[in-house]
Amino acid sequence: MGDDRIEGSLTIDSEASLVTVRLAIREAATALGFGLADVTRVVTAAFELARNVHFHAQNGSVRWRSVDQMNSVGIEIVFVDQGPGIADIELAMTEGWSTTGGPGIGLPGSRRLIDEMELLSAPGRGTTVTVRKWLK
């Protein structure tokens, strides 16, 4: 990719920052050449994950970058917070499970929309979620 790298970062510390994240990720995915359907998938997953950061940890950060792996181009988005962490990751990835009484679509829904997801978390140690979507 050379000089065509796309990257950025934002702080997640308010509901307004969720809109900023959504717009920035839309711009990055569009610049990388994703079609409308995949841009929508990436933006939706990013918004859900940013919302999780804001709701559960109150603040955190997101950073994104273009990635190139074996001649495939994609976007990698990393969400980091120092919140309460997730005690049972397997349970948190279960469709319909929620700690907030909501519909429980955040983590499992985001996983369905992207190609790769890594989730690192422990109680009292915060959470890091990394997602990747590859151009098809």
N, C-alpha and C. Protein backbone atom coordinates (compact mmCIF):
# COMPACT_ATOMS: atom_id res chain seq x y z
N MET A 1 0.81 -1.19 0.00
CA MET A 1 0.00 0.00 0.00
C MET A 1 0.86 1.26 0.00
N GLY A 2 2.09 1.17 0.49
CA GLY A 2 2.99 2.30 0.39
C GLY A 2 2.48 3.53 1.11
N ASP A 3 2.41 4.65 0.38
CA ASP A 3 2.01 5.93 0.97
C ASP A 3 0.52 6.09 1.09
N ASP A 4 -0.26 5.09 0.74
CA ASP A 4 -1.71 5.20 0.77
C ASP A 4 -2.30 4.77 2.11
N ARG A 5 -1.49 4.72 3.14
CA ARG A 5 -1.98 4.27 4.45
C ARG A 5 -3.07 5.20 4.97
N ILE A 6 -4.04 4.58 5.54
CA ILE A 6 -5.13 5.31 6.18
C ILE A 6 -5.08 4.94 7.64
N GLU A 7 -5.05 5.96 8.50
CA GLU A 7 -5.04 5.67 9.93
C GLU A 7 -5.54 6.88 10.71
N GLY A 8 -5.97 6.59 11.92
CA GLY A 8 -6.45 7.67 12.77
C GLY A 8 -6.80 7.13 14.14
N SER A 9 -7.15 8.05 15.02
CA SER A 9 -7.57 7.65 16.36
C SER A 9 -8.46 8.73 16.94
N LEU A 10 -9.31 8.32 17.86
CA LEU A 10 -10.23 9.23 18.53
C LEU A 10 -10.43 8.76 19.97
N THR A 11 -10.77 9.70 20.81
CA THR A 11 -11.17 9.39 22.17
C THR A 11 -12.69 9.16 22.18
N ILE A 12 -13.11 8.18 22.94
CA ILE A 12 -14.54 7.93 23.13
C ILE A 12 -14.85 8.35 24.56
N ASP A 13 -15.56 9.50 24.70
CA ASP A 13 -15.82 10.00 26.05
C ASP A 13 -17.19 10.65 26.20
N SER A 14 -18.02 10.52 25.17
CA SER A 14 -19.37 11.11 25.23
C SER A 14 -20.21 10.48 24.13
N GLU A 15 -21.51 10.72 24.21
CA GLU A 15 -22.37 10.24 23.12
C GLU A 15 -22.02 10.92 21.81
N ALA A 16 -21.64 12.19 21.87
CA ALA A 16 -21.25 12.91 20.66
C ALA A 16 -20.03 12.27 19.99
N SER A 17 -19.13 11.71 20.79
CA SER A 17 -17.95 11.07 20.20
C SER A 17 -18.32 9.81 19.43
N LEU A 18 -19.47 9.20 19.75
CA LEU A 18 -19.93 8.03 18.99
C LEU A 18 -20.24 8.42 17.55
N VAL A 19 -20.82 9.59 17.37
CA VAL A 19 -21.12 10.09 16.02
C VAL A 19 -19.83 10.37 15.27
N THR A 20 -18.86 10.95 15.96
CA THR A 20 -17.57 11.25 15.34
C THR A 20 -16.88 9.96 14.91
N VAL A 21 -16.92 8.93 15.75
CA VAL A 21 -16.34 7.63 15.40
C VAL A 21 -17.02 7.09 14.14
N ARG A 22 -18.33 7.12 14.13
CA ARG A 22 -19.07 6.61 12.98
C ARG A 22 -18.66 7.31 11.69
N LEU A 23 -18.57 8.63 11.72
CA LEU A 23 -18.20 9.40 10.53
C LEU A 23 -16.76 9.10 10.10
N ALA A 24 -15.84 9.02 11.05
CA ALA A 24 -14.43 8.76 10.72
C ALA A 24 -14.25 7.37 10.12
N ILE A 25 -14.92 6.38 10.67
CA ILE A 25 -14.80 5.01 10.16
C ILE A 25 -15.44 4.92 8.77
N ARG A 26 -16.56 5.60 8.57
CA ARG A 26 -17.20 5.63 7.24
C ARG A 26 -16.23 6.21 6.22
N GLU A 27 -15.59 7.30 6.57
CA GLU A 27 -14.65 7.95 5.65
C GLU A 27 -13.46 7.03 5.34
N ALA A 28 -12.92 6.37 6.35
CA ALA A 28 -11.77 5.48 6.16
C ALA A 28 -12.14 4.27 5.30
N ALA A 29 -13.27 3.64 5.60
CA ALA A 29 -13.69 2.45 4.83
C ALA A 29 -13.99 2.83 3.38
N THR A 30 -14.61 3.97 3.17
CA THR A 30 -14.90 4.44 1.81
C THR A 30 -13.60 4.71 1.05
N ALA A 31 -12.65 5.36 1.71
CA ALA A 31 -11.37 5.68 1.07
C ALA A 31 -10.60 4.41 0.68
N LEU A 32 -10.79 3.34 1.44
CA LEU A 32 -10.12 2.08 1.13
C LEU A 32 -10.77 1.34 -0.03
N GLY A 33 -11.95 1.77 -0.44
CA GLY A 33 -12.60 1.16 -1.58
C GLY A 33 -13.69 0.16 -1.25
N PHE A 34 -14.12 0.08 0.00
CA PHE A 34 -15.23 -0.79 0.34
C PHE A 34 -16.50 -0.29 -0.34
N GLY A 35 -17.34 -1.21 -0.78
CA GLY A 35 -18.63 -0.86 -1.34
C GLY A 35 -19.60 -0.45 -0.25
N LEU A 36 -20.74 0.09 -0.66
CA LEU A 36 -21.71 0.62 0.29
C LEU A 36 -22.13 -0.41 1.34
N ALA A 37 -22.40 -1.65 0.94
CA ALA A 37 -22.84 -2.67 1.90
C ALA A 37 -21.77 -2.95 2.95
N ASP A 38 -20.51 -3.08 2.51
CA ASP A 38 -19.44 -3.36 3.46
C ASP A 38 -19.10 -2.13 4.30
N VAL A 39 -19.20 -0.93 3.74
CA VAL A 39 -19.01 0.28 4.54
C VAL A 39 -20.04 0.30 5.65
N THR A 40 -21.28 -0.02 5.32
CA THR A 40 -22.35 -0.03 6.31
C THR A 40 -22.07 -1.07 7.38
N ARG A 41 -21.57 -2.24 7.00
CA ARG A 41 -21.24 -3.29 7.98
C ARG A 41 -20.14 -2.81 8.93
N VAL A 42 -19.08 -2.26 8.37
CA VAL A 42 -17.95 -1.80 9.18
C VAL A 42 -18.39 -0.68 10.12
N VAL A 43 -19.14 0.28 9.60
CA VAL A 43 -19.59 1.41 10.41
C VAL A 43 -20.53 0.95 11.53
N THR A 44 -21.42 0.03 11.22
CA THR A 44 -22.36 -0.48 12.23
C THR A 44 -21.61 -1.20 13.34
N ALA A 45 -20.66 -2.06 12.97
CA ALA A 45 -19.87 -2.77 13.98
C ALA A 45 -19.07 -1.78 14.83
N ALA A 46 -18.45 -0.80 14.19
CA ALA A 46 -17.65 0.19 14.92
C ALA A 46 -18.53 1.00 15.87
N PHE A 47 -19.70 1.37 15.42
CA PHE A 47 -20.60 2.15 16.28
C PHE A 47 -21.02 1.33 17.50
N GLU A 48 -21.36 0.07 17.30
CA GLU A 48 -21.76 -0.80 18.42
C GLU A 48 -20.62 -0.97 19.42
N LEU A 49 -19.41 -1.16 18.91
CA LEU A 49 -18.27 -1.35 19.80
C LEU A 49 -17.91 -0.06 20.53
N ALA A 50 -18.01 1.07 19.85
CA ALA A 50 -17.76 2.36 20.50
C ALA A 50 -18.82 2.62 21.57
N ARG A 51 -20.05 2.25 21.27
CA ARG A 51 -21.14 2.40 22.24
C ARG A 51 -20.88 1.56 23.48
N ASN A 52 -20.36 0.35 23.28
CA ASN A 52 -20.01 -0.50 24.42
C ASN A 52 -18.94 0.17 25.29
N VAL A 53 -17.92 0.76 24.64
CA VAL A 53 -16.87 1.45 25.39
C VAL A 53 -17.50 2.56 26.23
N HIS A 54 -18.32 3.38 25.60
CA HIS A 54 -18.92 4.52 26.30
C HIS A 54 -19.85 4.05 27.43
N PHE A 55 -20.67 3.06 27.14
CA PHE A 55 -21.66 2.62 28.13
C PHE A 55 -21.02 1.92 29.32
N HIS A 56 -20.08 1.01 29.04
CA HIS A 56 -19.52 0.18 30.11
C HIS A 56 -18.32 0.81 30.80
N ALA A 57 -17.53 1.61 30.09
CA ALA A 57 -16.30 2.15 30.67
C ALA A 57 -16.31 3.68 30.77
N GLN A 58 -17.34 4.31 30.20
CA GLN A 58 -17.47 5.77 30.15
C GLN A 58 -16.49 6.42 29.18
N ASN A 59 -15.27 5.92 29.10
CA ASN A 59 -14.35 6.47 28.11
C ASN A 59 -13.32 5.43 27.69
N GLY A 60 -12.72 5.71 26.57
CA GLY A 60 -11.71 4.82 26.00
C GLY A 60 -11.24 5.43 24.70
N SER A 61 -10.74 4.60 23.83
CA SER A 61 -10.24 5.11 22.56
C SER A 61 -10.49 4.12 21.44
N VAL A 62 -10.42 4.64 20.23
CA VAL A 62 -10.49 3.82 19.03
C VAL A 62 -9.38 4.28 18.11
N ARG A 63 -8.72 3.33 17.48
CA ARG A 63 -7.76 3.67 16.45
C ARG A 63 -7.98 2.73 15.27
N TRP A 64 -7.72 3.24 14.10
CA TRP A 64 -7.93 2.45 12.90
C TRP A 64 -6.77 2.65 11.96
N ARG A 65 -6.60 1.66 11.09
CA ARG A 65 -5.55 1.74 10.08
C ARG A 65 -5.87 0.79 8.94
N SER A 66 -5.32 1.14 7.80
CA SER A 66 -5.42 0.22 6.69
C SER A 66 -4.41 -0.89 6.92
N VAL A 67 -4.75 -2.09 6.49
CA VAL A 67 -3.87 -3.24 6.64
C VAL A 67 -3.76 -3.95 5.30
N ASP A 68 -2.62 -4.57 5.09
CA ASP A 68 -2.34 -5.29 3.85
C ASP A 68 -1.74 -6.62 4.24
N GLN A 69 -2.43 -7.70 3.89
CA GLN A 69 -1.97 -9.02 4.28
C GLN A 69 -2.14 -9.96 3.10
N MET A 70 -1.04 -10.50 2.62
CA MET A 70 -1.06 -11.44 1.49
C MET A 70 -1.91 -10.89 0.34
N ASN A 71 -1.60 -9.67 -0.07
CA ASN A 71 -2.27 -9.00 -1.18
C ASN A 71 -3.75 -8.71 -0.95
N SER A 72 -4.20 -8.79 0.28
CA SER A 72 -5.55 -8.39 0.63
C SER A 72 -5.46 -7.07 1.40
N VAL A 73 -6.34 -6.15 1.08
CA VAL A 73 -6.38 -4.86 1.76
C VAL A 73 -7.61 -4.85 2.66
N GLY A 74 -7.46 -4.25 3.81
CA GLY A 74 -8.59 -4.17 4.73
C GLY A 74 -8.42 -3.03 5.71
N ILE A 75 -9.34 -3.00 6.65
CA ILE A 75 -9.29 -2.01 7.72
C ILE A 75 -9.26 -2.76 9.05
N GLU A 76 -8.43 -2.27 9.95
CA GLU A 76 -8.35 -2.80 11.30
C GLU A 76 -8.76 -1.69 12.26
N ILE A 77 -9.65 -2.01 13.18
CA ILE A 77 -10.15 -1.03 14.14
C ILE A 77 -9.98 -1.63 15.54
N VAL A 78 -9.35 -0.86 16.43
CA VAL A 78 -9.05 -1.34 17.78
C VAL A 78 -9.71 -0.42 18.80
N PHE A 79 -10.52 -0.99 19.67
CA PHE A 79 -11.21 -0.27 20.75
C PHE A 79 -10.55 -0.67 22.06
N VAL A 80 -10.19 0.32 22.88
CA VAL A 80 -9.52 0.05 24.15
C VAL A 80 -10.22 0.84 25.25
N ASP A 81 -10.47 0.18 26.37
CA ASP A 81 -11.00 0.90 27.53
C ASP A 81 -10.39 0.31 28.80
N GLN A 82 -10.49 1.06 29.86
CA GLN A 82 -10.01 0.63 31.17
C GLN A 82 -11.20 0.40 32.10
N GLY A 83 -12.30 -0.05 31.53
CA GLY A 83 -13.53 -0.27 32.28
C GLY A 83 -13.48 -1.52 33.14
N PRO A 84 -14.65 -2.01 33.52
CA PRO A 84 -14.73 -3.14 34.44
C PRO A 84 -14.28 -4.48 33.85
N GLY A 85 -14.16 -4.56 32.54
CA GLY A 85 -13.76 -5.81 31.91
C GLY A 85 -14.93 -6.78 31.78
N ILE A 86 -14.67 -7.88 31.12
CA ILE A 86 -15.70 -8.90 30.87
C ILE A 86 -15.28 -10.17 31.58
N ALA A 87 -16.10 -10.63 32.50
CA ALA A 87 -15.77 -11.81 33.29
C ALA A 87 -15.86 -13.09 32.46
N ASP A 88 -16.86 -13.18 31.59
CA ASP A 88 -17.09 -14.41 30.81
C ASP A 88 -17.24 -14.02 29.34
N ILE A 89 -16.14 -14.06 28.60
CA ILE A 89 -16.15 -13.64 27.20
C ILE A 89 -17.07 -14.52 26.37
N GLU A 90 -17.05 -15.83 26.62
CA GLU A 90 -17.92 -16.74 25.86
C GLU A 90 -19.40 -16.37 26.04
N LEU A 91 -19.78 -16.07 27.26
CA LEU A 91 -21.16 -15.67 27.53
C LEU A 91 -21.46 -14.32 26.86
N ALA A 92 -20.51 -13.39 26.93
CA ALA A 92 -20.71 -12.07 26.32
C ALA A 92 -20.88 -12.16 24.80
N MET A 93 -20.33 -13.19 24.19
CA MET A 93 -20.44 -13.38 22.74
C MET A 93 -21.69 -14.16 22.36
N THR A 94 -22.50 -14.53 23.34
CA THR A 94 -23.74 -15.27 23.09
C THR A 94 -24.84 -14.32 22.63
N GLU A 95 -25.48 -14.67 21.55
CA GLU A 95 -26.58 -13.87 21.01
C GLU A 95 -27.66 -13.67 22.06
N GLY A 96 -28.05 -12.42 22.29
CA GLY A 96 -29.13 -12.12 23.22
C GLY A 96 -28.72 -11.89 24.66
N TRP A 97 -27.45 -12.18 25.00
CA TRP A 97 -27.00 -11.97 26.38
C TRP A 97 -26.66 -10.50 26.57
N SER A 98 -27.07 -9.93 27.69
CA SER A 98 -26.82 -8.51 27.95
C SER A 98 -26.67 -8.27 29.43
N THR A 99 -25.73 -7.39 29.78
CA THR A 99 -25.59 -6.98 31.18
C THR A 99 -26.46 -5.79 31.48
N THR A 100 -27.03 -5.19 30.43
CA THR A 100 -27.76 -3.92 30.59
C THR A 100 -29.25 -4.06 30.41
N GLY A 101 -29.71 -5.25 30.08
CA GLY A 101 -31.13 -5.43 29.82
C GLY A 101 -31.50 -5.08 28.38
N GLY A 102 -30.49 -4.72 27.58
CA GLY A 102 -30.73 -4.41 26.16
C GLY A 102 -30.84 -5.69 25.35
N PRO A 103 -30.90 -5.57 24.03
CA PRO A 103 -31.10 -6.74 23.17
C PRO A 103 -29.88 -7.65 23.06
N GLY A 104 -28.71 -7.23 23.52
CA GLY A 104 -27.55 -8.11 23.49
C GLY A 104 -27.00 -8.35 22.10
N ILE A 105 -27.00 -7.32 21.25
CA ILE A 105 -26.50 -7.51 19.88
C ILE A 105 -25.11 -6.92 19.68
N GLY A 106 -24.58 -6.18 20.64
CA GLY A 106 -23.31 -5.48 20.47
C GLY A 106 -22.16 -6.35 20.01
N LEU A 107 -21.65 -7.22 20.87
CA LEU A 107 -20.49 -8.05 20.51
C LEU A 107 -20.82 -9.11 19.45
N PRO A 108 -21.84 -9.95 19.67
CA PRO A 108 -22.11 -10.97 18.64
C PRO A 108 -22.58 -10.36 17.32
N GLY A 109 -23.32 -9.27 17.39
CA GLY A 109 -23.77 -8.61 16.17
C GLY A 109 -22.61 -8.03 15.40
N SER A 110 -21.68 -7.42 16.12
CA SER A 110 -20.49 -6.86 15.47
C SER A 110 -19.67 -7.98 14.85
N ARG A 111 -19.54 -9.09 15.53
CA ARG A 111 -18.76 -10.23 15.01
C ARG A 111 -19.33 -10.72 13.68
N ARG A 112 -20.63 -10.71 13.55
CA ARG A 112 -21.26 -11.17 12.30
C ARG A 112 -20.99 -10.22 11.14
N LEU A 113 -20.77 -8.94 11.43
CA LEU A 113 -20.64 -7.93 10.38
C LEU A 113 -19.23 -7.80 9.81
N ILE A 114 -18.24 -8.30 10.51
CA ILE A 114 -16.86 -8.14 10.08
C ILE A 114 -16.24 -9.51 9.83
N ASP A 115 -14.97 -9.53 9.42
CA ASP A 115 -14.33 -10.81 9.08
C ASP A 115 -13.57 -11.43 10.25
N GLU A 116 -12.94 -10.60 11.08
CA GLU A 116 -12.14 -11.11 12.19
C GLU A 116 -12.40 -10.26 13.43
N MET A 117 -12.45 -10.92 14.58
CA MET A 117 -12.59 -10.20 15.84
C MET A 117 -11.73 -10.88 16.90
N GLU A 118 -10.97 -10.06 17.63
CA GLU A 118 -10.21 -10.54 18.78
C GLU A 118 -10.66 -9.73 19.98
N LEU A 119 -10.93 -10.41 21.07
CA LEU A 119 -11.42 -9.74 22.28
C LEU A 119 -10.54 -10.16 23.45
N LEU A 120 -9.90 -9.18 24.08
CA LEU A 120 -9.09 -9.44 25.26
C LEU A 120 -9.70 -8.66 26.41
N SER A 121 -9.99 -9.34 27.51
CA SER A 121 -10.61 -8.67 28.64
C SER A 121 -10.46 -9.52 29.89
N ALA A 122 -10.45 -8.82 31.01
CA ALA A 122 -10.45 -9.49 32.30
C ALA A 122 -11.09 -8.55 33.30
N PRO A 123 -11.78 -9.10 34.28
CA PRO A 123 -12.41 -8.24 35.29
C PRO A 123 -11.40 -7.27 35.92
N GLY A 124 -11.77 -5.99 35.95
CA GLY A 124 -10.93 -4.97 36.54
C GLY A 124 -9.76 -4.52 35.67
N ARG A 125 -9.63 -5.06 34.47
CA ARG A 125 -8.47 -4.75 33.62
C ARG A 125 -8.86 -4.13 32.29
N GLY A 126 -10.12 -3.85 32.09
CA GLY A 126 -10.54 -3.24 30.83
C GLY A 126 -10.69 -4.25 29.70
N THR A 127 -10.96 -3.71 28.52
CA THR A 127 -11.25 -4.55 27.36
C THR A 127 -10.58 -3.95 26.13
N THR A 128 -10.04 -4.82 25.29
CA THR A 128 -9.53 -4.43 23.98
C THR A 128 -10.21 -5.32 22.94
N VAL A 129 -10.87 -4.69 21.98
CA VAL A 129 -11.52 -5.42 20.90
C VAL A 129 -10.88 -4.95 19.59
N THR A 130 -10.39 -5.91 18.81
CA THR A 130 -9.80 -5.63 17.51
C THR A 130 -10.66 -6.31 16.45
N VAL A 131 -11.08 -5.54 15.46
CA VAL A 131 -11.86 -6.10 14.35
C VAL A 131 -11.17 -5.77 13.03
N ARG A 132 -11.36 -6.66 12.06
CA ARG A 132 -10.82 -6.46 10.72
C ARG A 132 -11.87 -6.83 9.68
N LYS A 133 -11.90 -6.05 8.63
CA LYS A 133 -12.75 -6.34 7.47
C LYS A 133 -11.85 -6.26 6.26
N TRP A 134 -11.95 -7.26 5.38
CA TRP A 134 -11.12 -7.33 4.18
C TRP A 134 -11.93 -7.01 2.94
N LEU A 135 -11.29 -6.29 2.02
CA LEU A 135 -11.93 -6.03 0.73
C LEU A 135 -12.08 -7.35 0.00
N LYS A 136 -13.24 -7.57 -0.57
CA LYS A 136 -13.49 -8.83 -1.30
C LYS A 136 -13.22 -8.63 -2.77
